[in-house]
Amino acid sequence: MDLKRAPLADKSSPKVNPTVARGADTHGQVDESGDRTPQGADDHADGSRFQCPQGHRNALNAILADAYALYIKTKNFHWHMSGPHFRDYHLMFDEQADQILATTDAIAERVREIGGTTLRSIGHIGRLQRVLDNDADFVTPEDMLAELAEDNRNIGGPSSRSP
């Protein structure tokens, strides 16, 4: 298979805003003409603009809500771990919670980049989350592992809530 590299852009090609090309947040930026970049518009190399459908913004906000719900559930299980594998599971849940939390900023910033607004409160998370809470007084370590594994597999997927 012969793969050829695309030619470099010549001087007649449209200018690409390097900030946008790096994927940085574009809402509220002022371009060379003094105009603000329209909220929800992505600049493309050809100068065109693309408005992301509301459904995409809603889906990303639901994923963001799920990430926060999964973070809290993981910390809950971290705090309430017991049994012979306490130390290993306790540390593993703490590390996993940190990794989950680290994804939230990128998701929220992407929602803003495509013209949406992000989560505003714990109540907003509660209305959108599909990851079910676990408020049980006691959960066995085995059940904790199984529940978190299932939630991690399903994050971003169809609703796990009952209708």
N, C-alpha and C. Protein backbone atom coordinates (compact mmCIF):
# COMPACT_ATOMS: atom_id res chain seq x y z
N MET A 1 0.85 -1.16 0.00
CA MET A 1 0.00 0.00 0.00
C MET A 1 0.90 1.23 0.00
N ASP A 2 0.60 2.16 -0.91
CA ASP A 2 1.41 3.36 -1.04
C ASP A 2 0.70 4.52 -0.36
N LEU A 3 1.19 4.91 0.79
CA LEU A 3 0.60 6.03 1.51
C LEU A 3 1.45 7.26 1.27
N LYS A 4 0.85 8.29 0.69
CA LYS A 4 1.58 9.52 0.44
C LYS A 4 1.20 10.55 1.47
N ARG A 5 2.16 11.30 1.87
CA ARG A 5 1.93 12.36 2.83
C ARG A 5 1.24 13.53 2.13
N ALA A 6 0.26 14.11 2.78
CA ALA A 6 -0.44 15.26 2.21
C ALA A 6 0.52 16.43 2.11
N PRO A 7 0.42 17.22 1.02
CA PRO A 7 1.33 18.36 0.87
C PRO A 7 1.07 19.40 1.95
N LEU A 8 2.11 20.12 2.31
CA LEU A 8 1.98 21.19 3.28
C LEU A 8 1.17 22.31 2.67
N ALA A 9 0.45 23.03 3.49
CA ALA A 9 -0.37 24.13 3.01
C ALA A 9 0.52 25.24 2.45
N ASP A 10 0.08 25.82 1.33
CA ASP A 10 0.84 26.94 0.78
C ASP A 10 0.27 28.24 1.34
N LYS A 11 0.86 29.36 0.95
CA LYS A 11 0.47 30.64 1.51
C LYS A 11 -0.94 31.05 1.12
N SER A 12 -1.51 30.46 0.06
CA SER A 12 -2.86 30.82 -0.35
C SER A 12 -3.92 30.06 0.46
N SER A 13 -3.51 29.08 1.26
CA SER A 13 -4.46 28.33 2.08
C SER A 13 -4.99 29.22 3.20
N PRO A 14 -6.23 28.95 3.65
CA PRO A 14 -6.78 29.74 4.75
C PRO A 14 -5.91 29.62 5.99
N LYS A 15 -5.85 30.72 6.74
CA LYS A 15 -5.08 30.70 7.98
C LYS A 15 -5.83 29.88 9.03
N VAL A 16 -5.08 29.15 9.80
CA VAL A 16 -5.65 28.37 10.88
C VAL A 16 -5.20 28.99 12.18
N ASN A 17 -6.15 29.30 13.02
CA ASN A 17 -5.84 29.85 14.33
C ASN A 17 -5.12 28.76 15.11
N PRO A 18 -3.85 28.97 15.51
CA PRO A 18 -3.11 27.90 16.19
C PRO A 18 -3.74 27.49 17.51
N THR A 19 -4.43 28.41 18.17
CA THR A 19 -5.09 28.05 19.41
C THR A 19 -6.20 27.04 19.13
N VAL A 20 -6.98 27.29 18.08
CA VAL A 20 -8.06 26.39 17.72
C VAL A 20 -7.49 25.07 17.22
N ALA A 21 -6.41 25.14 16.44
CA ALA A 21 -5.82 23.92 15.89
C ALA A 21 -5.35 22.98 16.99
N ARG A 22 -4.95 23.54 18.12
CA ARG A 22 -4.52 22.69 19.24
C ARG A 22 -5.71 22.16 20.02
N GLY A 23 -6.91 22.58 19.67
CA GLY A 23 -8.10 22.07 20.36
C GLY A 23 -8.44 22.86 21.60
N ALA A 24 -7.93 24.07 21.72
CA ALA A 24 -8.19 24.87 22.91
C ALA A 24 -9.63 25.37 22.90
N ASP A 25 -10.08 25.82 24.04
CA ASP A 25 -11.42 26.34 24.20
C ASP A 25 -11.59 27.56 23.30
N THR A 26 -12.64 27.57 22.47
CA THR A 26 -12.84 28.67 21.53
C THR A 26 -13.95 29.62 21.93
N HIS A 27 -14.74 29.29 22.95
CA HIS A 27 -15.83 30.20 23.28
C HIS A 27 -15.26 31.47 23.87
N GLY A 28 -15.78 32.57 23.37
CA GLY A 28 -15.37 33.85 23.90
C GLY A 28 -14.10 34.41 23.32
N GLN A 29 -13.45 33.73 22.39
CA GLN A 29 -12.23 34.27 21.80
C GLN A 29 -12.58 35.38 20.83
N VAL A 30 -11.69 36.34 20.70
CA VAL A 30 -11.89 37.43 19.76
C VAL A 30 -10.94 37.20 18.59
N ASP A 31 -11.50 37.21 17.35
CA ASP A 31 -10.64 36.99 16.19
C ASP A 31 -10.02 38.30 15.72
N GLU A 32 -9.29 38.24 14.60
CA GLU A 32 -8.56 39.41 14.10
C GLU A 32 -9.48 40.58 13.79
N SER A 33 -10.74 40.33 13.41
CA SER A 33 -11.67 41.40 13.07
C SER A 33 -12.33 42.00 14.30
N GLY A 34 -12.06 41.45 15.48
CA GLY A 34 -12.66 41.95 16.70
C GLY A 34 -13.95 41.26 17.06
N ASP A 35 -14.40 40.31 16.21
CA ASP A 35 -15.63 39.56 16.49
C ASP A 35 -15.34 38.41 17.44
N ARG A 36 -16.31 38.10 18.26
CA ARG A 36 -16.20 36.92 19.13
C ARG A 36 -16.52 35.69 18.32
N THR A 37 -15.79 34.61 18.62
CA THR A 37 -16.12 33.32 18.00
C THR A 37 -17.49 32.92 18.51
N PRO A 38 -18.43 32.60 17.62
CA PRO A 38 -19.77 32.23 18.09
C PRO A 38 -19.72 31.03 19.01
N GLN A 39 -20.50 31.09 20.08
CA GLN A 39 -20.55 29.96 20.99
C GLN A 39 -21.08 28.75 20.23
N GLY A 40 -20.38 27.64 20.35
CA GLY A 40 -20.80 26.42 19.70
C GLY A 40 -20.22 26.25 18.32
N ALA A 41 -19.37 27.16 17.91
CA ALA A 41 -18.78 27.03 16.58
C ALA A 41 -17.35 26.57 16.69
N ASP A 42 -17.00 25.62 15.89
CA ASP A 42 -15.62 25.16 15.79
C ASP A 42 -15.04 25.72 14.51
N ASP A 43 -13.85 26.30 14.59
CA ASP A 43 -13.18 26.77 13.38
C ASP A 43 -12.51 25.59 12.72
N HIS A 44 -12.68 25.48 11.42
CA HIS A 44 -12.04 24.43 10.65
C HIS A 44 -10.98 25.06 9.77
N ALA A 45 -10.05 24.27 9.30
CA ALA A 45 -8.94 24.77 8.50
C ALA A 45 -9.42 25.53 7.27
N ASP A 46 -10.59 25.17 6.72
CA ASP A 46 -11.09 25.86 5.52
C ASP A 46 -11.86 27.13 5.86
N GLY A 47 -11.91 27.50 7.13
CA GLY A 47 -12.58 28.72 7.54
C GLY A 47 -14.06 28.54 7.83
N SER A 48 -14.60 27.35 7.57
CA SER A 48 -16.02 27.13 7.81
C SER A 48 -16.27 26.95 9.31
N ARG A 49 -17.53 27.04 9.68
CA ARG A 49 -17.92 26.87 11.08
C ARG A 49 -18.91 25.72 11.17
N PHE A 50 -18.87 25.01 12.29
CA PHE A 50 -19.76 23.87 12.49
C PHE A 50 -20.43 24.03 13.83
N GLN A 51 -21.75 24.01 13.85
CA GLN A 51 -22.52 24.07 15.09
C GLN A 51 -22.83 22.65 15.51
N CYS A 52 -22.40 22.27 16.67
CA CYS A 52 -22.62 20.92 17.16
C CYS A 52 -24.07 20.76 17.60
N PRO A 53 -24.72 19.65 17.23
CA PRO A 53 -26.11 19.42 17.64
C PRO A 53 -26.27 19.37 19.16
N GLN A 54 -27.41 19.85 19.65
CA GLN A 54 -27.70 19.87 21.08
C GLN A 54 -27.59 18.47 21.68
N GLY A 55 -27.97 17.44 20.92
CA GLY A 55 -27.90 16.07 21.43
C GLY A 55 -26.49 15.66 21.81
N HIS A 56 -25.50 16.16 21.09
CA HIS A 56 -24.10 15.84 21.42
C HIS A 56 -23.72 16.50 22.74
N ARG A 57 -24.13 17.73 22.93
CA ARG A 57 -23.82 18.44 24.18
C ARG A 57 -24.53 17.76 25.35
N ASN A 58 -25.77 17.36 25.15
CA ASN A 58 -26.51 16.66 26.21
C ASN A 58 -25.86 15.33 26.56
N ALA A 59 -25.41 14.60 25.53
CA ALA A 59 -24.76 13.30 25.77
C ALA A 59 -23.47 13.47 26.57
N LEU A 60 -22.69 14.49 26.23
CA LEU A 60 -21.44 14.73 26.96
C LEU A 60 -21.73 15.14 28.40
N ASN A 61 -22.77 15.94 28.63
CA ASN A 61 -23.11 16.31 30.00
C ASN A 61 -23.57 15.10 30.80
N ALA A 62 -24.28 14.17 30.17
CA ALA A 62 -24.68 12.94 30.87
C ALA A 62 -23.45 12.11 31.23
N ILE A 63 -22.50 12.04 30.33
CA ILE A 63 -21.24 11.32 30.62
C ILE A 63 -20.50 12.01 31.75
N LEU A 64 -20.49 13.34 31.75
CA LEU A 64 -19.85 14.09 32.82
C LEU A 64 -20.53 13.82 34.16
N ALA A 65 -21.86 13.81 34.17
CA ALA A 65 -22.60 13.49 35.40
C ALA A 65 -22.28 12.07 35.86
N ASP A 66 -22.22 11.14 34.91
CA ASP A 66 -21.86 9.76 35.26
C ASP A 66 -20.45 9.68 35.85
N ALA A 67 -19.53 10.46 35.31
CA ALA A 67 -18.16 10.44 35.82
C ALA A 67 -18.13 10.92 37.28
N TYR A 68 -18.87 11.99 37.57
CA TYR A 68 -18.91 12.46 38.96
C TYR A 68 -19.59 11.44 39.87
N ALA A 69 -20.68 10.84 39.41
CA ALA A 69 -21.37 9.83 40.22
C ALA A 69 -20.47 8.62 40.47
N LEU A 70 -19.73 8.21 39.43
CA LEU A 70 -18.81 7.08 39.58
C LEU A 70 -17.66 7.45 40.50
N TYR A 71 -17.19 8.68 40.42
CA TYR A 71 -16.12 9.15 41.32
C TYR A 71 -16.59 9.04 42.78
N ILE A 72 -17.78 9.56 43.07
CA ILE A 72 -18.30 9.53 44.45
C ILE A 72 -18.51 8.09 44.91
N LYS A 73 -19.05 7.25 44.05
CA LYS A 73 -19.26 5.85 44.43
C LYS A 73 -17.92 5.16 44.71
N THR A 74 -16.93 5.43 43.89
CA THR A 74 -15.61 4.83 44.08
C THR A 74 -14.99 5.31 45.39
N LYS A 75 -15.13 6.61 45.69
CA LYS A 75 -14.62 7.12 46.98
C LYS A 75 -15.41 6.52 48.14
N ASN A 76 -16.72 6.37 47.99
CA ASN A 76 -17.54 5.75 49.02
C ASN A 76 -17.00 4.35 49.34
N PHE A 77 -16.77 3.56 48.30
CA PHE A 77 -16.26 2.22 48.52
C PHE A 77 -14.83 2.26 49.08
N HIS A 78 -14.04 3.20 48.67
CA HIS A 78 -12.69 3.39 49.21
C HIS A 78 -12.76 3.65 50.72
N TRP A 79 -13.66 4.53 51.13
CA TRP A 79 -13.78 4.88 52.54
C TRP A 79 -14.36 3.76 53.38
N HIS A 80 -15.16 2.89 52.79
CA HIS A 80 -15.87 1.86 53.55
C HIS A 80 -15.36 0.45 53.30
N MET A 81 -14.18 0.35 52.72
CA MET A 81 -13.57 -0.95 52.46
C MET A 81 -13.22 -1.64 53.78
N SER A 82 -13.38 -2.95 53.80
CA SER A 82 -12.98 -3.75 54.97
C SER A 82 -12.57 -5.12 54.47
N GLY A 83 -12.02 -5.89 55.36
CA GLY A 83 -11.68 -7.27 55.00
C GLY A 83 -10.20 -7.49 54.81
N PRO A 84 -9.84 -8.74 54.45
CA PRO A 84 -8.43 -9.12 54.38
C PRO A 84 -7.65 -8.40 53.27
N HIS A 85 -8.33 -7.89 52.26
CA HIS A 85 -7.64 -7.19 51.17
C HIS A 85 -7.80 -5.67 51.29
N PHE A 86 -8.07 -5.22 52.52
CA PHE A 86 -8.35 -3.81 52.74
C PHE A 86 -7.34 -2.89 52.08
N ARG A 87 -6.07 -3.07 52.38
CA ARG A 87 -5.05 -2.13 51.89
C ARG A 87 -4.99 -2.09 50.37
N ASP A 88 -4.97 -3.24 49.72
CA ASP A 88 -4.88 -3.27 48.25
C ASP A 88 -6.10 -2.62 47.60
N TYR A 89 -7.29 -2.98 48.06
CA TYR A 89 -8.51 -2.43 47.46
C TYR A 89 -8.65 -0.94 47.79
N HIS A 90 -8.33 -0.59 49.03
CA HIS A 90 -8.40 0.81 49.47
C HIS A 90 -7.53 1.69 48.56
N LEU A 91 -6.31 1.28 48.32
CA LEU A 91 -5.40 2.04 47.46
C LEU A 91 -5.86 2.02 46.00
N MET A 92 -6.33 0.88 45.53
CA MET A 92 -6.79 0.78 44.15
C MET A 92 -7.99 1.70 43.91
N PHE A 93 -8.96 1.71 44.82
CA PHE A 93 -10.13 2.57 44.66
C PHE A 93 -9.74 4.04 44.71
N ASP A 94 -8.78 4.38 45.55
CA ASP A 94 -8.33 5.77 45.62
C ASP A 94 -7.68 6.20 44.30
N GLU A 95 -6.83 5.33 43.74
CA GLU A 95 -6.19 5.63 42.47
C GLU A 95 -7.23 5.73 41.34
N GLN A 96 -8.18 4.81 41.33
CA GLN A 96 -9.21 4.84 40.30
C GLN A 96 -10.04 6.12 40.41
N ALA A 97 -10.41 6.51 41.62
CA ALA A 97 -11.19 7.73 41.81
C ALA A 97 -10.43 8.94 41.27
N ASP A 98 -9.14 9.01 41.55
CA ASP A 98 -8.32 10.11 41.02
C ASP A 98 -8.33 10.12 39.50
N GLN A 99 -8.25 8.96 38.88
CA GLN A 99 -8.25 8.87 37.42
C GLN A 99 -9.59 9.31 36.84
N ILE A 100 -10.67 8.91 37.49
CA ILE A 100 -12.00 9.31 37.03
C ILE A 100 -12.16 10.83 37.13
N LEU A 101 -11.78 11.38 38.28
CA LEU A 101 -11.90 12.82 38.48
C LEU A 101 -11.06 13.60 37.46
N ALA A 102 -9.92 13.06 37.09
CA ALA A 102 -9.04 13.73 36.13
C ALA A 102 -9.68 13.86 34.75
N THR A 103 -10.65 13.02 34.42
CA THR A 103 -11.30 13.10 33.11
C THR A 103 -12.36 14.19 33.05
N THR A 104 -12.86 14.64 34.19
CA THR A 104 -14.02 15.53 34.19
C THR A 104 -13.73 16.89 33.57
N ASP A 105 -12.58 17.45 33.79
CA ASP A 105 -12.28 18.77 33.25
C ASP A 105 -12.26 18.75 31.73
N ALA A 106 -11.63 17.73 31.16
CA ALA A 106 -11.56 17.63 29.69
C ALA A 106 -12.96 17.48 29.09
N ILE A 107 -13.82 16.70 29.74
CA ILE A 107 -15.19 16.52 29.23
C ILE A 107 -15.95 17.84 29.32
N ALA A 108 -15.87 18.50 30.47
CA ALA A 108 -16.58 19.77 30.65
C ALA A 108 -16.08 20.83 29.67
N GLU A 109 -14.78 20.91 29.47
CA GLU A 109 -14.25 21.89 28.53
C GLU A 109 -14.69 21.59 27.10
N ARG A 110 -14.83 20.32 26.76
CA ARG A 110 -15.30 19.98 25.42
C ARG A 110 -16.76 20.39 25.24
N VAL A 111 -17.57 20.22 26.27
CA VAL A 111 -18.96 20.67 26.21
C VAL A 111 -19.00 22.17 25.91
N ARG A 112 -18.15 22.93 26.58
CA ARG A 112 -18.09 24.39 26.35
C ARG A 112 -17.60 24.69 24.94
N GLU A 113 -16.61 23.95 24.46
CA GLU A 113 -16.07 24.19 23.12
C GLU A 113 -17.12 24.00 22.04
N ILE A 114 -18.05 23.10 22.25
CA ILE A 114 -19.06 22.82 21.22
C ILE A 114 -20.36 23.58 21.49
N GLY A 115 -20.30 24.58 22.36
CA GLY A 115 -21.41 25.49 22.53
C GLY A 115 -22.37 25.20 23.64
N GLY A 116 -22.07 24.25 24.50
CA GLY A 116 -22.98 23.91 25.58
C GLY A 116 -22.60 24.56 26.90
N THR A 117 -23.45 24.39 27.87
CA THR A 117 -23.13 24.75 29.24
C THR A 117 -22.95 23.46 30.00
N THR A 118 -22.14 23.51 31.02
CA THR A 118 -21.82 22.28 31.77
C THR A 118 -22.63 22.21 33.06
N LEU A 119 -22.37 21.17 33.79
CA LEU A 119 -23.05 20.94 35.06
C LEU A 119 -22.86 22.13 35.99
N ARG A 120 -23.90 22.43 36.74
CA ARG A 120 -23.85 23.60 37.62
C ARG A 120 -23.95 23.26 39.11
N SER A 121 -24.36 22.02 39.44
CA SER A 121 -24.56 21.71 40.85
C SER A 121 -24.65 20.19 41.06
N ILE A 122 -24.63 19.81 42.32
CA ILE A 122 -24.84 18.40 42.67
C ILE A 122 -26.23 17.97 42.21
N GLY A 123 -27.22 18.84 42.35
CA GLY A 123 -28.57 18.53 41.90
C GLY A 123 -28.63 18.27 40.40
N HIS A 124 -27.87 19.06 39.64
CA HIS A 124 -27.82 18.89 38.18
C HIS A 124 -27.21 17.53 37.85
N ILE A 125 -26.15 17.17 38.56
CA ILE A 125 -25.54 15.84 38.38
C ILE A 125 -26.58 14.76 38.66
N GLY A 126 -27.31 14.90 39.76
CA GLY A 126 -28.31 13.92 40.14
C GLY A 126 -29.41 13.74 39.10
N ARG A 127 -29.77 14.83 38.43
CA ARG A 127 -30.81 14.74 37.40
C ARG A 127 -30.31 14.04 36.14
N LEU A 128 -29.01 14.13 35.85
CA LEU A 128 -28.48 13.59 34.60
C LEU A 128 -27.80 12.23 34.75
N GLN A 129 -27.32 11.91 35.94
CA GLN A 129 -26.51 10.69 36.11
C GLN A 129 -27.31 9.44 35.81
N ARG A 130 -26.62 8.47 35.21
CA ARG A 130 -27.20 7.16 34.94
C ARG A 130 -26.55 6.10 35.81
N VAL A 131 -25.40 6.40 36.39
CA VAL A 131 -24.75 5.50 37.34
C VAL A 131 -25.55 5.57 38.64
N LEU A 132 -26.00 4.42 39.10
CA LEU A 132 -26.83 4.39 40.30
C LEU A 132 -25.98 4.55 41.56
N ASP A 133 -26.51 5.29 42.53
CA ASP A 133 -25.84 5.45 43.82
C ASP A 133 -25.96 4.15 44.60
N ASN A 134 -25.05 3.97 45.56
CA ASN A 134 -25.14 2.84 46.48
C ASN A 134 -25.01 3.41 47.89
N ASP A 135 -26.14 3.51 48.58
CA ASP A 135 -26.18 4.08 49.93
C ASP A 135 -26.29 3.00 51.01
N ALA A 136 -25.98 1.77 50.65
CA ALA A 136 -26.10 0.66 51.61
C ALA A 136 -25.16 0.87 52.79
N ASP A 137 -25.60 0.44 53.95
CA ASP A 137 -24.75 0.54 55.14
C ASP A 137 -23.52 -0.34 55.05
N PHE A 138 -23.65 -1.49 54.37
CA PHE A 138 -22.52 -2.40 54.22
C PHE A 138 -22.58 -3.05 52.85
N VAL A 139 -21.43 -3.07 52.18
CA VAL A 139 -21.29 -3.74 50.88
C VAL A 139 -20.03 -4.59 50.99
N THR A 140 -20.12 -5.84 50.62
CA THR A 140 -18.94 -6.70 50.69
C THR A 140 -17.91 -6.23 49.66
N PRO A 141 -16.64 -6.47 49.91
CA PRO A 141 -15.62 -6.09 48.93
C PRO A 141 -15.86 -6.70 47.55
N GLU A 142 -16.35 -7.94 47.52
CA GLU A 142 -16.62 -8.58 46.23
C GLU A 142 -17.72 -7.85 45.47
N ASP A 143 -18.76 -7.43 46.19
CA ASP A 143 -19.86 -6.69 45.56
C ASP A 143 -19.41 -5.30 45.12
N MET A 144 -18.53 -4.69 45.92
CA MET A 144 -17.98 -3.39 45.52
C MET A 144 -17.24 -3.51 44.18
N LEU A 145 -16.38 -4.51 44.09
CA LEU A 145 -15.60 -4.72 42.86
C LEU A 145 -16.52 -4.98 41.67
N ALA A 146 -17.51 -5.85 41.87
CA ALA A 146 -18.42 -6.19 40.78
C ALA A 146 -19.24 -4.97 40.33
N GLU A 147 -19.72 -4.19 41.28
CA GLU A 147 -20.53 -3.02 40.95
C GLU A 147 -19.71 -1.96 40.23
N LEU A 148 -18.52 -1.69 40.72
CA LEU A 148 -17.67 -0.70 40.05
C LEU A 148 -17.24 -1.17 38.66
N ALA A 149 -16.95 -2.47 38.53
CA ALA A 149 -16.57 -2.99 37.21
C ALA A 149 -17.72 -2.79 36.23
N GLU A 150 -18.93 -3.10 36.65
CA GLU A 150 -20.11 -2.94 35.79
C GLU A 150 -20.34 -1.47 35.45
N ASP A 151 -20.24 -0.59 36.43
CA ASP A 151 -20.43 0.84 36.18
C ASP A 151 -19.38 1.38 35.21
N ASN A 152 -18.14 0.96 35.39
CA ASN A 152 -17.08 1.41 34.49
C ASN A 152 -17.32 0.93 33.06
N ARG A 153 -17.81 -0.29 32.92
CA ARG A 153 -18.12 -0.81 31.58
C ARG A 153 -19.24 -0.05 30.91
N ASN A 154 -20.20 0.42 31.69
CA ASN A 154 -21.40 1.04 31.15
C ASN A 154 -21.35 2.56 31.05
N ILE A 155 -20.32 3.20 31.59
CA ILE A 155 -20.30 4.66 31.57
C ILE A 155 -20.35 5.16 30.14
N GLY A 156 -21.21 6.11 29.92
CA GLY A 156 -21.38 6.65 28.57
C GLY A 156 -22.33 5.84 27.72
N GLY A 157 -22.85 4.75 28.27
CA GLY A 157 -23.78 3.92 27.51
C GLY A 157 -25.21 4.25 27.84
N PRO A 158 -26.11 3.34 27.49
CA PRO A 158 -27.53 3.57 27.75
C PRO A 158 -27.80 3.70 29.25
N SER A 159 -28.88 4.31 29.56
CA SER A 159 -29.25 4.56 30.94
C SER A 159 -29.38 3.26 31.72
N SER A 160 -28.82 3.27 32.93
CA SER A 160 -28.96 2.11 33.81
C SER A 160 -30.06 2.37 34.83
N ARG A 161 -30.70 3.53 34.74
CA ARG A 161 -31.80 3.86 35.65
C ARG A 161 -33.07 3.17 35.22
N SER A 162 -33.89 2.87 36.18
CA SER A 162 -35.21 2.32 35.88
C SER A 162 -36.08 3.45 35.34
N PRO A 163 -37.02 3.12 34.42
CA PRO A 163 -37.89 4.17 33.86
C PRO A 163 -38.81 4.78 34.89
